[in-house]
N, C-alpha and C. Protein backbone atom coordinates (compact mmCIF):
# COMPACT_ATOMS: atom_id res chain seq x y z
N GLN A 1 6.14 12.14 16.87
CA GLN A 1 6.98 11.81 15.68
C GLN A 1 6.16 10.96 14.70
N VAL A 2 6.07 11.36 13.44
CA VAL A 2 5.29 10.63 12.46
C VAL A 2 6.14 9.51 11.90
N GLN A 3 5.43 8.30 11.95
CA GLN A 3 6.12 7.11 11.29
C GLN A 3 5.16 6.32 10.45
N VAL A 4 5.61 5.85 9.22
CA VAL A 4 4.84 5.05 8.49
C VAL A 4 5.77 3.91 7.95
N VAL A 5 5.49 2.81 8.43
CA VAL A 5 6.43 1.61 8.28
C VAL A 5 5.77 0.43 7.62
N GLU A 6 6.30 0.11 6.39
CA GLU A 6 5.76 -0.99 5.72
C GLU A 6 6.50 -2.39 6.06
N SER A 7 5.79 -3.38 5.88
CA SER A 7 6.45 -4.73 6.08
C SER A 7 5.65 -5.73 5.24
N GLY A 8 6.19 -6.97 5.12
CA GLY A 8 5.53 -7.98 4.43
C GLY A 8 6.04 -8.32 3.05
N GLY A 9 6.94 -7.51 2.50
CA GLY A 9 7.44 -7.84 1.14
C GLY A 9 8.36 -9.13 1.08
N GLY A 10 8.63 -9.46 -0.06
CA GLY A 10 9.47 -10.55 -0.20
C GLY A 10 9.51 -11.19 -1.68
N LEU A 11 10.02 -12.37 -1.76
CA LEU A 11 10.10 -13.11 -3.02
C LEU A 11 8.88 -14.13 -3.06
N VAL A 12 8.13 -14.08 -4.14
CA VAL A 12 7.04 -14.99 -4.24
C VAL A 12 7.04 -15.55 -5.75
N GLN A 13 6.53 -16.71 -5.90
CA GLN A 13 6.30 -17.27 -7.36
C GLN A 13 5.14 -16.67 -8.00
N PRO A 14 5.09 -16.64 -9.32
CA PRO A 14 4.00 -16.23 -9.98
C PRO A 14 2.65 -17.10 -9.53
N GLY A 15 1.57 -16.31 -9.36
CA GLY A 15 0.39 -16.97 -8.87
C GLY A 15 0.18 -17.08 -7.37
N GLY A 16 1.31 -16.67 -6.65
CA GLY A 16 1.31 -16.70 -5.23
C GLY A 16 0.71 -15.44 -4.65
N SER A 17 0.74 -15.35 -3.30
CA SER A 17 0.09 -14.31 -2.55
C SER A 17 1.06 -13.67 -1.49
N LEU A 18 0.92 -12.44 -1.22
CA LEU A 18 1.58 -11.77 -0.11
C LEU A 18 0.61 -10.76 0.50
N ARG A 19 0.86 -10.52 1.77
CA ARG A 19 0.07 -9.46 2.46
C ARG A 19 1.06 -8.45 3.01
N LEU A 20 0.91 -7.22 2.56
CA LEU A 20 1.71 -6.08 3.01
C LEU A 20 0.94 -5.38 4.16
N SER A 21 1.78 -4.91 5.11
CA SER A 21 1.21 -4.13 6.24
C SER A 21 1.94 -2.81 6.27
N CYS A 22 1.17 -1.82 6.73
CA CYS A 22 1.73 -0.50 6.98
C CYS A 22 1.23 -0.07 8.30
N ALA A 23 2.19 0.14 9.23
CA ALA A 23 1.92 0.58 10.62
C ALA A 23 2.13 2.06 10.72
N ALA A 24 1.16 2.79 11.18
CA ALA A 24 1.34 4.25 11.30
C ALA A 24 1.30 4.70 12.71
N SER A 25 1.96 5.84 13.06
CA SER A 25 1.97 6.48 14.32
C SER A 25 2.30 7.88 14.23
N GLY A 26 1.83 8.65 15.13
CA GLY A 26 2.26 10.07 15.24
C GLY A 26 1.20 11.01 14.60
N PHE A 27 0.08 10.48 14.16
CA PHE A 27 -0.93 11.37 13.53
C PHE A 27 -2.25 10.70 13.70
N THR A 28 -3.39 11.34 13.49
CA THR A 28 -4.76 10.85 13.66
C THR A 28 -5.13 9.99 12.48
N PHE A 29 -4.77 8.79 12.54
CA PHE A 29 -4.89 7.82 11.40
C PHE A 29 -6.27 7.86 10.74
N SER A 30 -7.31 7.92 11.54
CA SER A 30 -8.68 7.85 11.02
C SER A 30 -9.03 8.99 10.12
N ASN A 31 -8.23 10.07 10.14
CA ASN A 31 -8.47 11.24 9.28
C ASN A 31 -7.70 11.29 8.01
N TYR A 32 -7.01 10.18 7.74
CA TYR A 32 -6.20 10.12 6.60
C TYR A 32 -6.64 9.13 5.55
N VAL A 33 -6.56 9.52 4.36
CA VAL A 33 -6.61 8.47 3.17
C VAL A 33 -5.29 7.72 3.10
N MET A 34 -5.46 6.37 3.13
CA MET A 34 -4.23 5.56 3.20
C MET A 34 -4.14 4.88 1.78
N SER A 35 -2.92 4.83 1.24
CA SER A 35 -2.80 4.32 -0.10
C SER A 35 -1.51 3.47 -0.22
N TRP A 36 -1.49 2.68 -1.13
CA TRP A 36 -0.29 1.94 -1.59
C TRP A 36 0.12 2.40 -3.01
N TYR A 37 1.31 2.65 -3.13
CA TYR A 37 1.92 2.95 -4.41
C TYR A 37 2.98 1.98 -4.73
N ARG A 38 3.41 1.85 -5.93
CA ARG A 38 4.55 1.06 -6.28
C ARG A 38 5.44 1.66 -7.35
N GLN A 39 6.66 1.34 -7.37
CA GLN A 39 7.62 1.81 -8.33
C GLN A 39 8.52 0.75 -8.77
N ALA A 40 8.39 0.43 -10.08
CA ALA A 40 9.32 -0.57 -10.72
C ALA A 40 10.48 0.12 -11.22
N PRO A 41 11.62 -0.63 -11.42
CA PRO A 41 12.83 -0.01 -11.99
C PRO A 41 12.54 0.64 -13.31
N GLY A 42 13.04 1.84 -13.39
CA GLY A 42 12.89 2.57 -14.64
C GLY A 42 11.51 3.18 -14.87
N LYS A 43 10.57 2.97 -14.01
CA LYS A 43 9.18 3.47 -14.18
C LYS A 43 8.82 4.49 -13.08
N GLU A 44 7.82 5.23 -13.32
CA GLU A 44 7.29 6.19 -12.37
C GLU A 44 6.53 5.52 -11.34
N ARG A 45 6.47 6.13 -10.15
CA ARG A 45 5.63 5.61 -9.07
C ARG A 45 4.18 5.76 -9.47
N GLU A 46 3.36 4.68 -9.13
CA GLU A 46 1.99 4.61 -9.56
C GLU A 46 1.08 4.22 -8.39
N LEU A 47 -0.16 4.66 -8.32
CA LEU A 47 -1.07 4.35 -7.30
C LEU A 47 -1.59 2.91 -7.57
N VAL A 48 -1.53 2.10 -6.53
CA VAL A 48 -2.02 0.73 -6.56
C VAL A 48 -3.51 0.65 -6.05
N ALA A 49 -3.64 1.23 -4.84
CA ALA A 49 -4.94 1.10 -4.18
C ALA A 49 -5.03 2.15 -3.05
N ALA A 50 -6.16 2.60 -2.76
CA ALA A 50 -6.40 3.61 -1.73
C ALA A 50 -7.72 3.32 -1.03
N ILE A 51 -7.68 3.73 0.32
CA ILE A 51 -8.89 3.49 1.06
C ILE A 51 -9.06 4.75 1.93
N THR A 52 -10.28 5.40 1.86
CA THR A 52 -10.53 6.62 2.55
C THR A 52 -10.86 6.31 3.92
N SER A 53 -11.06 7.46 4.74
CA SER A 53 -11.48 7.33 6.18
C SER A 53 -12.85 6.76 6.26
N LYS A 54 -13.59 6.73 5.28
CA LYS A 54 -14.90 6.18 5.28
C LYS A 54 -15.03 4.74 4.65
N TYR A 55 -13.81 4.20 4.36
CA TYR A 55 -13.61 2.86 3.88
C TYR A 55 -13.91 2.69 2.43
N ASN A 56 -14.07 3.73 1.65
CA ASN A 56 -14.21 3.75 0.25
C ASN A 56 -12.90 3.29 -0.34
N THR A 57 -12.92 2.54 -1.39
CA THR A 57 -11.69 2.00 -2.00
C THR A 57 -11.63 2.29 -3.49
N ASN A 58 -10.42 2.37 -4.04
CA ASN A 58 -10.25 2.31 -5.42
C ASN A 58 -8.96 1.72 -5.80
N TYR A 59 -8.90 1.14 -7.00
CA TYR A 59 -7.74 0.35 -7.38
C TYR A 59 -7.28 0.69 -8.81
N ALA A 60 -6.05 0.47 -9.04
CA ALA A 60 -5.49 0.56 -10.39
C ALA A 60 -6.13 -0.52 -11.22
N ASP A 61 -6.39 -0.30 -12.51
CA ASP A 61 -7.07 -1.37 -13.30
C ASP A 61 -6.19 -2.61 -13.34
N SER A 62 -4.91 -2.48 -13.26
CA SER A 62 -4.04 -3.66 -13.43
C SER A 62 -4.08 -4.60 -12.24
N VAL A 63 -4.69 -4.18 -11.06
CA VAL A 63 -4.72 -5.00 -9.91
C VAL A 63 -6.18 -5.33 -9.49
N LYS A 64 -7.15 -4.75 -10.14
CA LYS A 64 -8.49 -5.07 -9.76
C LYS A 64 -8.80 -6.48 -9.81
N GLY A 65 -9.49 -6.96 -8.78
CA GLY A 65 -9.85 -8.43 -8.76
C GLY A 65 -8.73 -9.27 -8.10
N ARG A 66 -7.52 -8.75 -7.92
CA ARG A 66 -6.45 -9.50 -7.40
C ARG A 66 -5.96 -8.88 -6.11
N PHE A 67 -5.99 -7.65 -5.99
CA PHE A 67 -5.52 -7.03 -4.71
C PHE A 67 -6.72 -6.52 -3.88
N ALA A 68 -6.47 -6.45 -2.58
CA ALA A 68 -7.52 -5.90 -1.74
C ALA A 68 -6.87 -4.92 -0.61
N ILE A 69 -7.34 -3.86 -0.48
CA ILE A 69 -6.79 -2.91 0.49
C ILE A 69 -7.84 -2.84 1.66
N SER A 70 -7.33 -2.79 2.80
CA SER A 70 -8.15 -2.66 4.10
C SER A 70 -7.40 -1.83 5.14
N ARG A 71 -8.13 -1.47 6.10
CA ARG A 71 -7.57 -0.72 7.16
C ARG A 71 -8.12 -1.08 8.50
N ASP A 72 -7.37 -0.89 9.57
CA ASP A 72 -7.76 -1.13 10.85
C ASP A 72 -7.48 0.10 11.72
N ASN A 73 -8.41 0.93 11.92
CA ASN A 73 -8.16 2.21 12.64
C ASN A 73 -7.68 2.06 14.03
N THR A 74 -8.16 0.95 14.73
CA THR A 74 -7.76 0.84 16.10
C THR A 74 -6.26 0.43 16.19
N LYS A 75 -5.82 -0.29 15.15
CA LYS A 75 -4.37 -0.64 15.07
C LYS A 75 -3.48 0.36 14.32
N MET A 76 -4.15 1.31 13.68
CA MET A 76 -3.47 2.29 12.86
C MET A 76 -2.60 1.60 11.79
N THR A 77 -3.31 0.64 11.12
CA THR A 77 -2.54 -0.15 10.17
C THR A 77 -3.41 -0.29 8.94
N VAL A 78 -2.77 -0.28 7.78
CA VAL A 78 -3.40 -0.53 6.47
C VAL A 78 -2.75 -1.71 5.89
N TYR A 79 -3.48 -2.55 5.16
CA TYR A 79 -3.06 -3.78 4.55
C TYR A 79 -3.30 -3.81 3.15
N LEU A 80 -2.40 -4.51 2.41
CA LEU A 80 -2.67 -4.82 1.03
C LEU A 80 -2.55 -6.35 0.82
N GLN A 81 -3.66 -6.95 0.62
CA GLN A 81 -3.57 -8.47 0.20
C GLN A 81 -3.48 -8.55 -1.23
N MET A 82 -2.37 -9.19 -1.67
CA MET A 82 -2.02 -9.39 -3.04
C MET A 82 -2.20 -10.94 -3.44
N ASN A 83 -3.12 -11.22 -4.36
CA ASN A 83 -3.26 -12.53 -4.81
C ASN A 83 -2.94 -12.67 -6.25
N SER A 84 -2.79 -13.87 -6.77
CA SER A 84 -2.46 -14.15 -8.14
C SER A 84 -1.46 -13.18 -8.74
N LEU A 85 -0.37 -13.13 -7.99
CA LEU A 85 0.77 -12.14 -8.30
C LEU A 85 1.39 -12.56 -9.63
N LYS A 86 1.82 -11.47 -10.37
CA LYS A 86 2.43 -11.66 -11.64
C LYS A 86 3.84 -11.04 -11.65
N PRO A 87 4.70 -11.43 -12.52
CA PRO A 87 6.06 -10.79 -12.56
C PRO A 87 5.94 -9.32 -12.72
N GLU A 88 4.99 -8.79 -13.47
CA GLU A 88 4.80 -7.28 -13.60
C GLU A 88 4.44 -6.61 -12.32
N ASP A 89 4.13 -7.30 -11.28
CA ASP A 89 3.82 -6.69 -9.96
C ASP A 89 5.11 -6.49 -9.17
N THR A 90 6.25 -6.86 -9.67
CA THR A 90 7.48 -6.68 -8.95
C THR A 90 7.76 -5.18 -8.99
N ALA A 91 8.12 -4.68 -7.75
CA ALA A 91 8.25 -3.22 -7.50
C ALA A 91 8.58 -3.07 -6.05
N VAL A 92 8.93 -1.84 -5.68
CA VAL A 92 9.03 -1.40 -4.43
C VAL A 92 7.64 -0.84 -4.07
N TYR A 93 7.03 -1.29 -3.00
CA TYR A 93 5.71 -0.90 -2.59
C TYR A 93 5.81 0.16 -1.46
N TYR A 94 5.15 1.32 -1.65
CA TYR A 94 5.18 2.34 -0.62
C TYR A 94 3.87 2.64 -0.06
N CYS A 95 3.80 2.95 1.26
CA CYS A 95 2.51 3.28 1.94
C CYS A 95 2.54 4.83 1.99
N ASN A 96 1.41 5.37 1.73
CA ASN A 96 1.19 6.79 1.80
C ASN A 96 0.07 7.17 2.68
N ALA A 97 0.18 8.22 3.44
CA ALA A 97 -0.90 8.74 4.31
C ALA A 97 -1.17 10.24 4.01
N ARG A 98 -2.34 10.46 3.51
CA ARG A 98 -2.75 11.87 3.07
C ARG A 98 -3.91 12.36 3.80
N PHE A 99 -3.78 13.51 4.35
CA PHE A 99 -4.83 14.09 5.22
C PHE A 99 -6.12 14.25 4.43
N SER A 100 -7.19 13.74 4.88
CA SER A 100 -8.45 13.75 4.16
C SER A 100 -9.08 15.15 3.94
N TYR A 101 -8.68 16.13 4.69
CA TYR A 101 -9.39 17.36 4.58
C TYR A 101 -8.51 18.56 4.08
N GLY A 102 -7.46 18.15 3.37
CA GLY A 102 -6.61 19.24 2.82
C GLY A 102 -5.29 18.70 2.49
N PRO A 103 -4.50 19.54 1.75
CA PRO A 103 -3.20 18.98 1.22
C PRO A 103 -2.02 19.20 2.23
N ALA A 104 -2.34 19.57 3.43
CA ALA A 104 -1.19 20.07 4.30
C ALA A 104 -0.31 18.89 4.77
N TYR A 105 -0.84 17.68 4.98
CA TYR A 105 -0.02 16.60 5.49
C TYR A 105 -0.05 15.39 4.59
N ASN A 106 1.19 14.99 4.27
CA ASN A 106 1.28 13.82 3.35
C ASN A 106 2.64 13.14 3.75
N TYR A 107 2.46 11.84 4.17
CA TYR A 107 3.54 11.06 4.62
C TYR A 107 3.80 9.78 3.89
N TRP A 108 5.09 9.47 3.71
CA TRP A 108 5.49 8.29 3.04
C TRP A 108 6.33 7.39 3.88
N GLY A 109 6.20 6.03 3.65
CA GLY A 109 7.02 5.07 4.22
C GLY A 109 8.28 4.90 3.34
N GLN A 110 9.18 3.96 3.87
CA GLN A 110 10.43 3.80 3.19
C GLN A 110 10.37 2.70 2.11
N GLY A 111 9.26 2.04 2.01
CA GLY A 111 9.08 1.05 0.96
C GLY A 111 9.48 -0.38 1.31
N THR A 112 8.78 -1.30 0.68
CA THR A 112 9.11 -2.77 0.87
C THR A 112 9.20 -3.45 -0.56
N GLN A 113 10.22 -4.20 -0.72
CA GLN A 113 10.45 -4.79 -2.03
C GLN A 113 9.49 -6.03 -2.22
N VAL A 114 8.79 -6.04 -3.37
CA VAL A 114 8.08 -7.30 -3.73
C VAL A 114 8.61 -7.74 -5.03
N THR A 115 9.02 -9.04 -5.12
CA THR A 115 9.62 -9.63 -6.29
C THR A 115 8.72 -10.86 -6.65
N VAL A 116 8.31 -10.94 -7.78
CA VAL A 116 7.53 -12.02 -8.28
C VAL A 116 8.32 -12.74 -9.32
N SER A 117 8.78 -13.94 -9.09
CA SER A 117 9.69 -14.60 -9.93
C SER A 117 9.67 -16.11 -9.61
N SER A 118 9.88 -16.91 -10.72
CA SER A 118 10.01 -18.30 -10.50
C SER A 118 11.47 -18.71 -10.40
């Protein structure tokens, strides 16, 4: 059974930090591109950061220099370290697993809320 479970969200003040985790199971984690997306109220879901099976990364321009994505294949977990958080980072953050070698398999977590507010 495939599972993708996010954790680590919460309320943080502007300028603060949070680390999100996404624990996966039920598939060959090392064969998947792992990504974080977010969706703010009234907005479309957008890609925040992604990391390939070869550890190549890419980021949305809005988070470059502030967020860092990493993965631990032995723990089947992907992380998103978020620093210098801004109110506009407030959103539900979703973890996505996409098969590296074709479009056949694509899994989503249930999301975790991140709220940046004083």
